[in-house]
Amino acid sequence: MRVKIVLLIAYIAVLLLITLIFYRGSPYAPIELDPIASYRRAINAPPHLARIEIRNAVLNVLMFIPMGLLPPMVWREFRKPLRLILSALALSFTIELAQLVAQRGVFAIEDILHNTLGTIFGFLAYKTWELITNK
């Protein structure tokens, strides 16, 4: 159990470091409310820029997979999908808002959606592991 808690703490620390400390400047407005903005940009961009847009979307999904895995391993309350998803939404929204306030990135609805999707993928992986190991 201690190892899982340490992993969860380390994950959150790295998540905050990546999203709030390292500035990821953007040529776009500080608020992006279009839930498919990067896909629109990718369609209209040259291939090298389109790859960057798609890569960023994929990284936002991947970044939150541990959010779907670790909390259910540590706390029973997070084995309920709705509670876990709402927590991930709240965390992602808080990070996006902090980026906006601190001017460390763009507040993007799309990022919140991608992060939540990553959490769902992580939770599905957790449930699969739970089924396989009969825990």
Protein backbone atom coordinates (compact mmCIF):
# COMPACT_ATOMS: atom_id res chain seq x y z
CA MET A 1 0.00 0.00 0.00
CA ARG A 2 2.83 2.41 0.81
CA VAL A 3 4.34 1.96 -2.63
CA LYS A 4 1.00 2.84 -4.25
CA ILE A 5 0.68 5.98 -2.12
CA VAL A 6 4.24 7.02 -2.99
CA LEU A 7 3.50 6.43 -6.68
CA LEU A 8 0.32 8.52 -6.44
CA ILE A 9 2.16 11.38 -4.71
CA ALA A 10 5.00 11.21 -7.26
CA TYR A 11 2.50 11.19 -10.12
CA ILE A 12 0.70 14.28 -8.82
CA ALA A 13 4.01 16.06 -8.24
CA VAL A 14 5.19 15.33 -11.79
CA LEU A 15 1.77 16.28 -13.19
CA LEU A 16 1.90 19.66 -11.43
CA LEU A 17 5.51 20.18 -12.46
CA ILE A 18 4.71 19.50 -16.12
CA THR A 19 1.50 21.54 -16.23
CA LEU A 20 2.27 24.48 -13.96
CA ILE A 21 6.02 24.96 -13.70
CA PHE A 22 7.25 24.40 -17.24
CA TYR A 23 5.86 27.17 -19.42
CA ARG A 24 4.41 25.91 -22.63
CA GLY A 25 3.81 29.07 -24.57
CA SER A 26 1.10 29.19 -27.16
CA PRO A 27 0.42 31.44 -30.12
CA TYR A 28 -3.30 31.06 -29.40
CA ALA A 29 -5.60 32.97 -27.08
CA PRO A 30 -5.23 32.29 -23.32
CA ILE A 31 -8.70 30.66 -23.30
CA GLU A 32 -9.72 28.02 -25.82
CA LEU A 33 -13.36 26.93 -25.48
CA ASP A 34 -13.56 24.92 -28.71
CA PRO A 35 -13.55 21.23 -27.65
CA ILE A 36 -11.92 20.16 -30.94
CA ALA A 37 -9.61 23.12 -31.58
CA SER A 38 -6.42 21.12 -32.05
CA TYR A 39 -8.13 18.81 -34.54
CA ARG A 40 -9.35 21.81 -36.52
CA ARG A 41 -5.84 23.26 -36.52
CA ALA A 42 -4.35 19.88 -37.49
CA ILE A 43 -6.65 19.55 -40.51
CA ASN A 44 -5.62 22.97 -41.82
CA ALA A 45 -1.93 22.85 -40.90
CA PRO A 46 1.13 21.63 -42.76
CA PRO A 47 2.01 18.01 -41.81
CA HIS A 48 4.75 18.89 -39.32
CA LEU A 49 2.43 21.24 -37.41
CA ALA A 50 -0.50 18.81 -37.65
CA ARG A 51 1.67 16.14 -35.98
CA ILE A 52 2.38 18.55 -33.10
CA GLU A 53 -1.34 19.19 -32.57
CA ILE A 54 -2.16 15.48 -32.56
CA ARG A 55 0.84 14.69 -30.35
CA ASN A 56 -0.32 17.25 -27.79
CA ALA A 57 -3.82 15.76 -27.74
CA VAL A 58 -2.42 12.25 -27.27
CA LEU A 59 -0.07 13.42 -24.51
CA ASN A 60 -2.99 15.03 -22.67
CA VAL A 61 -4.80 11.69 -22.73
CA LEU A 62 -1.70 9.72 -21.66
CA MET A 63 -0.88 12.18 -18.89
CA PHE A 64 -4.08 11.30 -17.01
CA ILE A 65 -4.04 7.50 -17.39
CA PRO A 66 -2.34 7.18 -13.96
CA MET A 67 -5.23 9.21 -12.53
CA GLY A 68 -7.52 6.36 -13.52
CA LEU A 69 -5.19 3.69 -12.14
CA LEU A 70 -3.65 4.93 -8.90
CA PRO A 71 -6.51 6.41 -6.83
CA PRO A 72 -8.65 3.23 -7.13
CA MET A 73 -5.63 1.20 -6.02
CA VAL A 74 -5.20 3.38 -2.93
CA TRP A 75 -8.78 4.27 -1.91
CA ARG A 76 -11.96 2.23 -2.24
CA GLU A 77 -14.03 5.40 -2.80
CA PHE A 78 -12.33 5.90 -6.16
CA ARG A 79 -13.35 2.47 -7.40
CA LYS A 80 -16.68 4.07 -8.29
CA PRO A 81 -16.30 5.42 -11.83
CA LEU A 82 -18.41 8.53 -11.33
CA ARG A 83 -16.44 9.65 -8.27
CA LEU A 84 -13.14 9.05 -10.04
CA ILE A 85 -14.22 10.84 -13.23
CA LEU A 86 -15.59 13.83 -11.31
CA SER A 87 -12.33 14.03 -9.34
CA ALA A 88 -10.31 13.93 -12.56
CA LEU A 89 -12.52 16.62 -14.07
CA ALA A 90 -12.01 18.78 -10.98
CA LEU A 91 -8.23 18.25 -11.02
CA SER A 92 -7.97 18.96 -14.73
CA PHE A 93 -10.18 22.06 -14.46
CA THR A 94 -8.08 23.31 -11.52
CA ILE A 95 -4.86 22.81 -13.49
CA GLU A 96 -6.28 24.62 -16.53
CA LEU A 97 -7.51 27.49 -14.34
CA ALA A 98 -4.13 27.72 -12.58
CA GLN A 99 -2.39 27.85 -15.97
CA LEU A 100 -4.66 30.72 -16.99
CA VAL A 101 -4.23 32.68 -13.76
CA ALA A 102 -0.46 32.11 -13.62
CA GLN A 103 -0.13 32.69 -17.38
CA ARG A 104 1.68 29.35 -17.72
CA GLY A 105 -0.41 27.98 -20.56
CA VAL A 106 -3.82 28.01 -22.20
CA PHE A 107 -7.09 27.22 -20.43
CA ALA A 108 -8.47 24.69 -22.90
CA ILE A 109 -11.73 22.78 -22.64
CA GLU A 110 -10.20 20.26 -25.03
CA ASP A 111 -7.44 19.50 -22.50
CA ILE A 112 -10.04 18.82 -19.82
CA LEU A 113 -11.81 16.42 -22.17
CA HIS A 114 -8.56 14.67 -23.12
CA ASN A 115 -7.50 14.41 -19.48
CA THR A 116 -10.86 12.91 -18.55
CA LEU A 117 -10.59 10.43 -21.41
CA GLY A 118 -7.15 9.43 -20.11
CA THR A 119 -8.65 8.87 -16.67
CA ILE A 120 -11.34 6.65 -18.18
CA PHE A 121 -8.69 4.62 -20.04
CA GLY A 122 -6.71 4.28 -16.82
CA PHE A 123 -9.79 3.16 -14.92
CA LEU A 124 -10.58 0.58 -17.61
CA ALA A 125 -7.03 -0.71 -17.27
CA TYR A 126 -7.50 -0.87 -13.48
CA LYS A 127 -10.78 -2.80 -13.86
CA THR A 128 -9.12 -5.17 -16.33
CA TRP A 129 -6.26 -5.76 -13.89
CA GLU A 130 -8.81 -6.30 -11.11
CA LEU A 131 -10.65 -8.93 -13.21
CA ILE A 132 -7.46 -10.73 -14.20
CA THR A 133 -6.11 -10.86 -10.64
CA ASN A 134 -9.51 -11.52 -9.03
CA LYS A 135 -9.04 -8.70 -6.50
